[in-house]
Amino acid sequence: MTDPDHTRDPVDRPVAPGPLGRVDRLVRRELRTIARTRAYTVLAAVLAAVSLTISVLGSASGGYVPTVVSLLTPLELLVPVVAVAFGYRAIVADAERGELDVLASYPVSPREQVLGVYVGRALGLLGAVGVPLVLVGASVALLREAPLGLYATHAGTDSPVLFARFAVLALAFAVTVLAVALAVSALASATRSAVALAIVPLVTLLVGLDLAVRFGVTTWVLPDTSLVYAVAFSPLSAFRGLVFETVVTTAGGAGPRTASPLASLLALAGWTLASLGVTVWATRR
């Protein structure tokens, strides 16, 4: 007679996680790293302090759209700085600590590794940028003096929906810059070189591509009619154009077209996917 103990499946045997499980573990690891790093908390606090100061002392009483206009330029600078800080050491630090060699001994593909790191860092970044924007929105709701329009259905409406659009666009811009920072981190050979290389995407995103587009228009290399599409080439210009087209112009009524929303959205998605592709390639080296 067969002993049932010998025919029972070994249910206690540990089962290797699948691709989603491996990515989930990497995401959790990144979240723990972010929680232990005080610098990220300080950056989020600085962003919140600057945003609330501009809102409370300046435009909150005027409504949501005036607050968006006041915040746009500061966030064009601060959001990339915070995003680069979250991402520029993510890959190179793992390499220096030997964690990439450890991961290579497990069934974790470079694609899974990059996805886990990116999602984990992006979740932390969304909190660092999103919480200050929620606080700003709350300050406007408390301090605004004009009557509230709940829905952005016609020109002149100052609506929380418009501010929510602005917040979503700022978050999309942040995770795009984060992807660029991860690519820089993967290409760097050491933390010091990552710090130096981190300046490159900042200068390029904040100044270089904008100036290139403007130069192309002023020198007639690009026709004026293509300007609304050309600005999408720069992530910063794409973000700015989306804010004007979907928030400011919606509230203010008719005005000159500043960007193509579709082209700008595709540009942000393209920069994100291309940067992650570079990160995967560099991790495989």
C-alpha atoms as a PDB file:
ATOM      1  CA  MET A   1       0.000   0.000   0.000  1.00  0.00           C
ATOM      2  CA  THR A   2       1.386   3.334  -0.988  1.00  0.00           C
ATOM      3  CA  ASP A   3       2.243   5.761   1.786  1.00  0.00           C
ATOM      4  CA  PRO A   4       0.217   8.930   1.160  1.00  0.00           C
ATOM      5  CA  ASP A   5       3.052  11.016   2.572  1.00  0.00           C
ATOM      6  CA  HIS A   6       5.222   9.964  -0.382  1.00  0.00           C
ATOM      7  CA  THR A   7       2.615  10.887  -2.993  1.00  0.00           C
ATOM      8  CA  ARG A   8       1.725  14.310  -1.595  1.00  0.00           C
ATOM      9  CA  ASP A   9       2.933  17.328  -3.556  1.00  0.00           C
ATOM     10  CA  PRO A  10       5.673  19.247  -1.790  1.00  0.00           C
ATOM     11  CA  VAL A  11       3.465  22.244  -1.040  1.00  0.00           C
ATOM     12  CA  ASP A  12       6.064  23.771   1.266  1.00  0.00           C
ATOM     13  CA  ARG A  13       8.643  24.040  -1.496  1.00  0.00           C
ATOM     14  CA  PRO A  14       9.343  27.724  -2.258  1.00  0.00           C
ATOM     15  CA  VAL A  15       8.092  28.779  -5.652  1.00  0.00           C
ATOM     16  CA  ALA A  16      10.163  31.216  -7.689  1.00  0.00           C
ATOM     17  CA  PRO A  17       8.233  34.433  -8.393  1.00  0.00           C
ATOM     18  CA  GLY A  18       7.124  35.187 -11.919  1.00  0.00           C
ATOM     19  CA  PRO A  19       8.045  38.329 -13.873  1.00  0.00           C
ATOM     20  CA  LEU A  20       5.450  40.472 -12.096  1.00  0.00           C
ATOM     21  CA  GLY A  21       6.580  39.168  -8.729  1.00  0.00           C
ATOM     22  CA  ARG A  22      10.212  39.990  -9.493  1.00  0.00           C
ATOM     23  CA  VAL A  23       9.289  43.486 -10.625  1.00  0.00           C
ATOM     24  CA  ASP A  24       7.155  43.948  -7.511  1.00  0.00           C
ATOM     25  CA  ARG A  25      10.097  43.045  -5.270  1.00  0.00           C
ATOM     26  CA  LEU A  26      12.292  45.582  -7.039  1.00  0.00           C
ATOM     27  CA  VAL A  27       9.600  48.239  -6.704  1.00  0.00           C
ATOM     28  CA  ARG A  28       9.357  47.587  -2.971  1.00  0.00           C
ATOM     29  CA  ARG A  29      13.127  47.762  -2.638  1.00  0.00           C
ATOM     30  CA  GLU A  30      13.192  51.168  -4.327  1.00  0.00           C
ATOM     31  CA  LEU A  31      10.386  52.447  -2.113  1.00  0.00           C
ATOM     32  CA  ARG A  32      12.315  51.352   0.976  1.00  0.00           C
ATOM     33  CA  THR A  33      15.402  53.132  -0.333  1.00  0.00           C
ATOM     34  CA  ILE A  34      13.415  56.324  -0.906  1.00  0.00           C
ATOM     35  CA  ALA A  35      11.868  56.118   2.564  1.00  0.00           C
ATOM     36  CA  ARG A  36      15.329  55.799   4.154  1.00  0.00           C
ATOM     37  CA  THR A  37      16.854  58.688   2.191  1.00  0.00           C
ATOM     38  CA  ARG A  38      16.225  62.005   3.928  1.00  0.00           C
ATOM     39  CA  ALA A  39      17.328  64.029   0.919  1.00  0.00           C
ATOM     40  CA  TYR A  40      14.168  63.047  -0.956  1.00  0.00           C
ATOM     41  CA  THR A  41      11.997  64.198   1.937  1.00  0.00           C
ATOM     42  CA  VAL A  42      13.879  67.489   2.046  1.00  0.00           C
ATOM     43  CA  LEU A  43      13.372  68.006  -1.691  1.00  0.00           C
ATOM     44  CA  ALA A  44       9.642  67.345  -1.373  1.00  0.00           C
ATOM     45  CA  ALA A  45       9.452  69.750   1.570  1.00  0.00           C
ATOM     46  CA  VAL A  46      11.289  72.472  -0.360  1.00  0.00           C
ATOM     47  CA  LEU A  47       8.993  72.008  -3.349  1.00  0.00           C
ATOM     48  CA  ALA A  48       5.946  72.204  -1.073  1.00  0.00           C
ATOM     49  CA  ALA A  49       7.270  75.307   0.703  1.00  0.00           C
ATOM     50  CA  VAL A  50       8.022  77.150  -2.537  1.00  0.00           C
ATOM     51  CA  SER A  51       4.703  76.188  -4.131  1.00  0.00           C
ATOM     52  CA  LEU A  52       2.645  77.117  -1.073  1.00  0.00           C
ATOM     53  CA  THR A  53       4.490  80.407  -0.645  1.00  0.00           C
ATOM     54  CA  ILE A  54       3.735  81.387  -4.234  1.00  0.00           C
ATOM     55  CA  SER A  55       0.133  80.289  -3.838  1.00  0.00           C
ATOM     56  CA  VAL A  56      -0.691  81.762  -0.429  1.00  0.00           C
ATOM     57  CA  LEU A  57       1.186  85.046  -0.815  1.00  0.00           C
ATOM     58  CA  GLY A  58       0.390  85.542  -4.469  1.00  0.00           C
ATOM     59  CA  SER A  59      -2.354  84.064  -6.567  1.00  0.00           C
ATOM     60  CA  ALA A  60      -4.496  81.728  -4.446  1.00  0.00           C
ATOM     61  CA  SER A  61      -7.086  84.430  -3.820  1.00  0.00           C
ATOM     62  CA  GLY A  62      -7.446  84.906  -7.568  1.00  0.00           C
ATOM     63  CA  GLY A  63      -8.381  81.302  -8.248  1.00  0.00           C
ATOM     64  CA  TYR A  64      -7.015  78.128  -9.768  1.00  0.00           C
ATOM     65  CA  VAL A  65      -5.901  79.373 -13.183  1.00  0.00           C
ATOM     66  CA  PRO A  66      -3.992  82.418 -11.837  1.00  0.00           C
ATOM     67  CA  THR A  67      -2.248  80.002  -9.478  1.00  0.00           C
ATOM     68  CA  VAL A  68      -1.331  77.751 -12.405  1.00  0.00           C
ATOM     69  CA  VAL A  69       0.153  80.711 -14.266  1.00  0.00           C
ATOM     70  CA  SER A  70       2.151  81.728 -11.185  1.00  0.00           C
ATOM     71  CA  LEU A  71       3.442  78.205 -10.558  1.00  0.00           C
ATOM     72  CA  LEU A  72       4.291  77.284 -14.136  1.00  0.00           C
ATOM     73  CA  THR A  73       7.718  78.925 -14.385  1.00  0.00           C
ATOM     74  CA  PRO A  74       8.967  77.824 -10.926  1.00  0.00           C
ATOM     75  CA  LEU A  75       7.832  74.248 -11.564  1.00  0.00           C
ATOM     76  CA  GLU A  76       9.557  74.236 -14.948  1.00  0.00           C
ATOM     77  CA  LEU A  77      12.780  74.524 -12.951  1.00  0.00           C
ATOM     78  CA  LEU A  78      11.994  72.652  -9.737  1.00  0.00           C
ATOM     79  CA  VAL A  79      10.272  69.556 -11.140  1.00  0.00           C
ATOM     80  CA  PRO A  80      13.266  68.539 -13.318  1.00  0.00           C
ATOM     81  CA  VAL A  81      15.640  69.142 -10.396  1.00  0.00           C
ATOM     82  CA  VAL A  82      13.596  66.876  -8.115  1.00  0.00           C
ATOM     83  CA  ALA A  83      13.147  64.239 -10.838  1.00  0.00           C
ATOM     84  CA  VAL A  84      16.863  64.113 -11.632  1.00  0.00           C
ATOM     85  CA  ALA A  85      17.663  63.849  -7.922  1.00  0.00           C
ATOM     86  CA  PHE A  86      15.376  60.819  -7.676  1.00  0.00           C
ATOM     87  CA  GLY A  87      16.926  59.061 -10.649  1.00  0.00           C
ATOM     88  CA  TYR A  88      20.528  60.002 -11.322  1.00  0.00           C
ATOM     89  CA  ARG A  89      22.051  57.483  -8.853  1.00  0.00           C
ATOM     90  CA  ALA A  90      19.452  54.729  -9.126  1.00  0.00           C
ATOM     91  CA  ILE A  91      21.345  52.385 -11.474  1.00  0.00           C
ATOM     92  CA  VAL A  92      24.965  53.397 -10.938  1.00  0.00           C
ATOM     93  CA  ALA A  93      24.638  53.073  -7.151  1.00  0.00           C
ATOM     94  CA  ASP A  94      23.424  49.484  -7.560  1.00  0.00           C
ATOM     95  CA  ALA A  95      26.432  48.772  -9.766  1.00  0.00           C
ATOM     96  CA  GLU A  96      28.861  50.233  -7.227  1.00  0.00           C
ATOM     97  CA  ARG A  97      27.355  48.184  -4.387  1.00  0.00           C
ATOM     98  CA  GLY A  98      27.527  45.015  -6.486  1.00  0.00           C
ATOM     99  CA  GLU A  99      23.763  44.574  -6.523  1.00  0.00           C
ATOM    100  CA  LEU A 100      23.686  44.319 -10.310  1.00  0.00           C
ATOM    101  CA  ASP A 101      26.011  41.307 -10.100  1.00  0.00           C
ATOM    102  CA  VAL A 102      23.730  39.742  -7.503  1.00  0.00           C
ATOM    103  CA  LEU A 103      20.666  40.367  -9.666  1.00  0.00           C
ATOM    104  CA  ALA A 104      22.495  38.819 -12.628  1.00  0.00           C
ATOM    105  CA  SER A 105      22.677  35.536 -10.690  1.00  0.00           C
ATOM    106  CA  TYR A 106      18.885  35.470 -10.419  1.00  0.00           C
ATOM    107  CA  PRO A 107      16.341  35.105 -13.229  1.00  0.00           C
ATOM    108  CA  VAL A 108      15.850  38.882 -13.392  1.00  0.00           C
ATOM    109  CA  SER A 109      16.166  40.323 -16.873  1.00  0.00           C
ATOM    110  CA  PRO A 110      17.552  43.828 -17.464  1.00  0.00           C
ATOM    111  CA  ARG A 111      14.092  44.850 -18.646  1.00  0.00           C
ATOM    112  CA  GLU A 112      12.514  43.691 -15.382  1.00  0.00           C
ATOM    113  CA  GLN A 113      15.225  45.399 -13.372  1.00  0.00           C
ATOM    114  CA  VAL A 114      14.789  48.734 -15.151  1.00  0.00           C
ATOM    115  CA  LEU A 115      11.001  48.508 -14.937  1.00  0.00           C
ATOM    116  CA  GLY A 116      11.126  47.783 -11.209  1.00  0.00           C
ATOM    117  CA  VAL A 117      13.561  50.610 -10.515  1.00  0.00           C
ATOM    118  CA  TYR A 118      11.602  53.042 -12.676  1.00  0.00           C
ATOM    119  CA  VAL A 119       8.197  52.226 -11.193  1.00  0.00           C
ATOM    120  CA  GLY A 120       9.525  52.381  -7.636  1.00  0.00           C
ATOM    121  CA  ARG A 121      11.289  55.690  -8.175  1.00  0.00           C
ATOM    122  CA  ALA A 122       8.307  57.059 -10.103  1.00  0.00           C
ATOM    123  CA  LEU A 123       5.939  56.266  -7.232  1.00  0.00           C
ATOM    124  CA  GLY A 124       8.198  58.145  -4.834  1.00  0.00           C
ATOM    125  CA  LEU A 125       8.529  61.039  -7.260  1.00  0.00           C
ATOM    126  CA  LEU A 126       4.773  61.227  -7.784  1.00  0.00           C
ATOM    127  CA  GLY A 127       4.391  61.620  -4.045  1.00  0.00           C
ATOM    128  CA  ALA A 128       7.124  64.258  -3.828  1.00  0.00           C
ATOM    129  CA  VAL A 129       5.539  66.344  -6.598  1.00  0.00           C
ATOM    130  CA  GLY A 130       1.886  65.423  -6.152  1.00  0.00           C
ATOM    131  CA  VAL A 131       1.518  66.148  -2.427  1.00  0.00           C
ATOM    132  CA  PRO A 132       2.703  69.783  -2.777  1.00  0.00           C
ATOM    133  CA  LEU A 133       0.265  70.286  -5.650  1.00  0.00           C
ATOM    134  CA  VAL A 134      -2.587  68.858  -3.568  1.00  0.00           C
ATOM    135  CA  LEU A 135      -1.672  71.285  -0.785  1.00  0.00           C
ATOM    136  CA  VAL A 136      -1.647  74.164  -3.261  1.00  0.00           C
ATOM    137  CA  GLY A 137      -5.062  73.145  -4.568  1.00  0.00           C
ATOM    138  CA  ALA A 138      -6.389  73.057  -1.014  1.00  0.00           C
ATOM    139  CA  SER A 139      -4.973  76.526  -0.319  1.00  0.00           C
ATOM    140  CA  VAL A 140      -6.720  77.906  -3.400  1.00  0.00           C
ATOM    141  CA  ALA A 141     -10.011  76.324  -2.325  1.00  0.00           C
ATOM    142  CA  LEU A 142      -9.706  78.049   1.057  1.00  0.00           C
ATOM    143  CA  LEU A 143      -8.413  81.446  -0.062  1.00  0.00           C
ATOM    144  CA  ARG A 144     -10.037  82.121  -3.434  1.00  0.00           C
ATOM    145  CA  GLU A 145     -12.362  85.118  -3.565  1.00  0.00           C
ATOM    146  CA  ALA A 146     -14.055  84.703  -6.967  1.00  0.00           C
ATOM    147  CA  PRO A 147     -17.144  82.457  -7.340  1.00  0.00           C
ATOM    148  CA  LEU A 148     -16.301  78.880  -8.179  1.00  0.00           C
ATOM    149  CA  GLY A 149     -17.057  77.178 -11.484  1.00  0.00           C
ATOM    150  CA  LEU A 150     -17.045  73.437 -10.971  1.00  0.00           C
ATOM    151  CA  TYR A 151     -16.749  72.479 -14.620  1.00  0.00           C
ATOM    152  CA  ALA A 152     -14.438  73.881 -17.284  1.00  0.00           C
ATOM    153  CA  THR A 153     -17.155  73.962 -19.939  1.00  0.00           C
ATOM    154  CA  HIS A 154     -16.799  77.502 -21.239  1.00  0.00           C
ATOM    155  CA  ALA A 155     -14.308  80.340 -21.449  1.00  0.00           C
ATOM    156  CA  GLY A 156     -13.710  82.296 -18.281  1.00  0.00           C
ATOM    157  CA  THR A 157     -14.487  79.397 -15.938  1.00  0.00           C
ATOM    158  CA  ASP A 158     -12.004  79.031 -13.092  1.00  0.00           C
ATOM    159  CA  SER A 159     -12.385  75.395 -12.166  1.00  0.00           C
ATOM    160  CA  PRO A 160     -10.594  72.870  -9.956  1.00  0.00           C
ATOM    161  CA  VAL A 161     -10.749  70.594 -12.992  1.00  0.00           C
ATOM    162  CA  LEU A 162      -8.276  72.905 -14.726  1.00  0.00           C
ATOM    163  CA  PHE A 163      -5.911  72.774 -11.761  1.00  0.00           C
ATOM    164  CA  ALA A 164      -6.216  68.974 -11.736  1.00  0.00           C
ATOM    165  CA  ARG A 165      -5.183  68.944 -15.403  1.00  0.00           C
ATOM    166  CA  PHE A 166      -2.159  71.045 -14.532  1.00  0.00           C
ATOM    167  CA  ALA A 167      -1.218  68.668 -11.715  1.00  0.00           C
ATOM    168  CA  VAL A 168      -1.493  65.623 -13.991  1.00  0.00           C
ATOM    169  CA  LEU A 169       0.659  67.304 -16.645  1.00  0.00           C
ATOM    170  CA  ALA A 170       3.283  68.229 -14.035  1.00  0.00           C
ATOM    171  CA  LEU A 171       3.404  64.610 -12.870  1.00  0.00           C
ATOM    172  CA  ALA A 172       3.726  63.364 -16.452  1.00  0.00           C
ATOM    173  CA  PHE A 173       6.584  65.808 -17.030  1.00  0.00           C
ATOM    174  CA  ALA A 174       8.259  64.617 -13.824  1.00  0.00           C
ATOM    175  CA  VAL A 175       8.233  60.916 -14.738  1.00  0.00           C
ATOM    176  CA  THR A 176       9.552  61.771 -18.213  1.00  0.00           C
ATOM    177  CA  VAL A 177      12.546  63.580 -16.731  1.00  0.00           C
ATOM    178  CA  LEU A 178      12.995  60.671 -14.309  1.00  0.00           C
ATOM    179  CA  ALA A 179      13.332  58.278 -17.247  1.00  0.00           C
ATOM    180  CA  VAL A 180      16.035  60.517 -18.734  1.00  0.00           C
ATOM    181  CA  ALA A 181      17.832  60.578 -15.370  1.00  0.00           C
ATOM    182  CA  LEU A 182      17.757  56.772 -15.188  1.00  0.00           C
ATOM    183  CA  ALA A 183      19.373  56.584 -18.618  1.00  0.00           C
ATOM    184  CA  VAL A 184      22.115  58.917 -17.395  1.00  0.00           C
ATOM    185  CA  SER A 185      22.585  56.751 -14.302  1.00  0.00           C
ATOM    186  CA  ALA A 186      22.879  53.591 -16.389  1.00  0.00           C
ATOM    187  CA  LEU A 187      25.429  55.188 -18.728  1.00  0.00           C
ATOM    188  CA  ALA A 188      27.581  56.547 -15.890  1.00  0.00           C
ATOM    189  CA  SER A 189      30.519  54.482 -14.660  1.00  0.00           C
ATOM    190  CA  ALA A 190      30.553  55.914 -11.130  1.00  0.00           C
ATOM    191  CA  THR A 191      28.477  58.103  -8.838  1.00  0.00           C
ATOM    192  CA  ARG A 192      30.736  61.094  -9.424  1.00  0.00           C
ATOM    193  CA  SER A 193      30.326  60.807 -13.169  1.00  0.00           C
ATOM    194  CA  ALA A 194      26.572  60.408 -12.647  1.00  0.00           C
ATOM    195  CA  VAL A 195      26.533  63.709 -10.761  1.00  0.00           C
ATOM    196  CA  ALA A 196      28.400  65.390 -13.603  1.00  0.00           C
ATOM    197  CA  LEU A 197      26.237  63.779 -16.258  1.00  0.00           C
ATOM    198  CA  ALA A 198      23.070  64.761 -14.376  1.00  0.00           C
ATOM    199  CA  ILE A 199      23.794  68.351 -15.301  1.00  0.00           C
ATOM    200  CA  VAL A 200      23.532  67.432 -18.982  1.00  0.00           C
ATOM    201  CA  PRO A 201      19.820  66.484 -19.029  1.00  0.00           C
ATOM    202  CA  LEU A 202      18.992  69.437 -16.788  1.00  0.00           C
ATOM    203  CA  VAL A 203      20.686  71.958 -19.055  1.00  0.00           C
ATOM    204  CA  THR A 204      19.427  70.208 -22.180  1.00  0.00           C
ATOM    205  CA  LEU A 205      15.828  69.971 -20.999  1.00  0.00           C
ATOM    206  CA  LEU A 206      15.681  73.419 -19.420  1.00  0.00           C
ATOM    207  CA  VAL A 207      17.647  75.452 -21.938  1.00  0.00           C
ATOM    208  CA  GLY A 208      19.197  73.636 -24.867  1.00  0.00           C
ATOM    209  CA  LEU A 209      16.225  72.205 -26.738  1.00  0.00           C
ATOM    210  CA  ASP A 210      14.125  75.332 -26.202  1.00  0.00           C
ATOM    211  CA  LEU A 211      16.899  77.484 -27.628  1.00  0.00           C
ATOM    212  CA  ALA A 212      17.347  75.085 -30.540  1.00  0.00           C
ATOM    213  CA  VAL A 213      13.675  75.362 -31.479  1.00  0.00           C
ATOM    214  CA  ARG A 214      13.716  79.148 -31.173  1.00  0.00           C
ATOM    215  CA  PHE A 215      16.892  79.331 -33.237  1.00  0.00           C
ATOM    216  CA  GLY A 216      15.316  77.164 -35.922  1.00  0.00           C
ATOM    217  CA  VAL A 217      12.327  79.493 -36.173  1.00  0.00           C
ATOM    218  CA  THR A 218      14.285  82.766 -36.107  1.00  0.00           C
ATOM    219  CA  THR A 219      16.714  81.543 -38.777  1.00  0.00           C
ATOM    220  CA  TRP A 220      13.872  80.275 -40.990  1.00  0.00           C
ATOM    221  CA  VAL A 221      15.123  76.704 -40.752  1.00  0.00           C
ATOM    222  CA  LEU A 222      11.686  75.910 -39.349  1.00  0.00           C
ATOM    223  CA  PRO A 223       8.622  77.642 -40.808  1.00  0.00           C
ATOM    224  CA  ASP A 224       6.375  79.533 -38.410  1.00  0.00           C
ATOM    225  CA  THR A 225       3.532  77.131 -39.133  1.00  0.00           C
ATOM    226  CA  SER A 226       5.566  74.243 -37.711  1.00  0.00           C
ATOM    227  CA  LEU A 227       6.294  75.951 -34.393  1.00  0.00           C
ATOM    228  CA  VAL A 228       3.325  74.374 -32.588  1.00  0.00           C
ATOM    229  CA  TYR A 229       4.727  70.950 -33.511  1.00  0.00           C
ATOM    230  CA  ALA A 230       8.422  71.792 -33.130  1.00  0.00           C
ATOM    231  CA  VAL A 231       8.044  72.801 -29.481  1.00  0.00           C
ATOM    232  CA  ALA A 232       7.055  69.213 -28.730  1.00  0.00           C
ATOM    233  CA  PHE A 233      10.655  68.169 -29.431  1.00  0.00           C
ATOM    234  CA  SER A 234      11.626  69.549 -26.022  1.00  0.00           C
ATOM    235  CA  PRO A 235       9.990  67.885 -22.981  1.00  0.00           C
ATOM    236  CA  LEU A 236       9.938  71.227 -21.195  1.00  0.00           C
ATOM    237  CA  SER A 237       8.296  73.013 -24.119  1.00  0.00           C
ATOM    238  CA  ALA A 238       5.869  70.122 -24.529  1.00  0.00           C
ATOM    239  CA  PHE A 239       4.846  70.454 -20.881  1.00  0.00           C
ATOM    240  CA  ARG A 240       4.509  74.231 -21.137  1.00  0.00           C
ATOM    241  CA  GLY A 241       2.503  73.999 -24.348  1.00  0.00           C
ATOM    242  CA  LEU A 242       0.145  71.423 -22.863  1.00  0.00           C
ATOM    243  CA  VAL A 243      -0.483  73.664 -19.854  1.00  0.00           C
ATOM    244  CA  PHE A 244      -1.292  76.650 -22.039  1.00  0.00           C
ATOM    245  CA  GLU A 245      -3.465  74.687 -24.462  1.00  0.00           C
ATOM    246  CA  THR A 246      -5.432  72.597 -21.960  1.00  0.00           C
ATOM    247  CA  VAL A 247      -5.552  74.903 -18.926  1.00  0.00           C
ATOM    248  CA  VAL A 248      -4.825  78.580 -19.596  1.00  0.00           C
ATOM    249  CA  THR A 249      -6.441  78.895 -23.024  1.00  0.00           C
ATOM    250  CA  THR A 250      -9.443  76.849 -21.901  1.00  0.00           C
ATOM    251  CA  ALA A 251     -10.085  79.318 -19.100  1.00  0.00           C
ATOM    252  CA  GLY A 252      -9.227  82.462 -21.030  1.00  0.00           C
ATOM    253  CA  GLY A 253     -11.053  81.732 -24.253  1.00  0.00           C
ATOM    254  CA  ALA A 254      -9.717  82.169 -27.777  1.00  0.00           C
ATOM    255  CA  GLY A 255      -6.045  82.935 -28.218  1.00  0.00           C
ATOM    256  CA  PRO A 256      -3.052  82.095 -30.391  1.00  0.00           C
ATOM    257  CA  ARG A 257      -2.290  78.408 -30.619  1.00  0.00           C
ATOM    258  CA  THR A 258       0.895  77.679 -28.706  1.00  0.00           C
ATOM    259  CA  ALA A 259       1.316  73.912 -29.150  1.00  0.00           C
ATOM    260  CA  SER A 260      -0.215  70.735 -30.490  1.00  0.00           C
ATOM    261  CA  PRO A 261      -1.524  68.758 -27.496  1.00  0.00           C
ATOM    262  CA  LEU A 262      -1.304  65.451 -29.365  1.00  0.00           C
ATOM    263  CA  ALA A 263       2.260  66.081 -30.546  1.00  0.00           C
ATOM    264  CA  SER A 264       3.287  67.186 -27.066  1.00  0.00           C
ATOM    265  CA  LEU A 265       1.804  64.101 -25.403  1.00  0.00           C
ATOM    266  CA  LEU A 266       3.472  61.835 -27.957  1.00  0.00           C
ATOM    267  CA  ALA A 267       6.767  63.632 -27.355  1.00  0.00           C
ATOM    268  CA  LEU A 268       6.619  63.062 -23.593  1.00  0.00           C
ATOM    269  CA  ALA A 269       5.772  59.398 -24.157  1.00  0.00           C
ATOM    270  CA  GLY A 270       8.547  59.093 -26.744  1.00  0.00           C
ATOM    271  CA  TRP A 271      11.167  60.605 -24.443  1.00  0.00           C
ATOM    272  CA  THR A 272      10.092  58.270 -21.647  1.00  0.00           C
ATOM    273  CA  LEU A 273      10.153  55.079 -23.715  1.00  0.00           C
ATOM    274  CA  ALA A 274      13.387  55.975 -25.519  1.00  0.00           C
ATOM    275  CA  SER A 275      15.136  56.778 -22.243  1.00  0.00           C
ATOM    276  CA  LEU A 276      14.001  53.513 -20.673  1.00  0.00           C
ATOM    277  CA  GLY A 277      15.207  51.688 -23.776  1.00  0.00           C
ATOM    278  CA  VAL A 278      18.643  53.280 -23.395  1.00  0.00           C
ATOM    279  CA  THR A 279      18.639  52.288 -19.719  1.00  0.00           C
ATOM    280  CA  VAL A 280      17.904  48.639 -20.560  1.00  0.00           C
ATOM    281  CA  TRP A 281      20.630  48.626 -23.209  1.00  0.00           C
ATOM    282  CA  ALA A 282      23.189  50.194 -20.877  1.00  0.00           C
ATOM    283  CA  THR A 283      22.325  47.746 -18.094  1.00  0.00           C
ATOM    284  CA  ARG A 284      23.056  44.816 -20.410  1.00  0.00           C
ATOM    285  CA  ARG A 285      26.582  46.012 -21.164  1.00  0.00           C
END
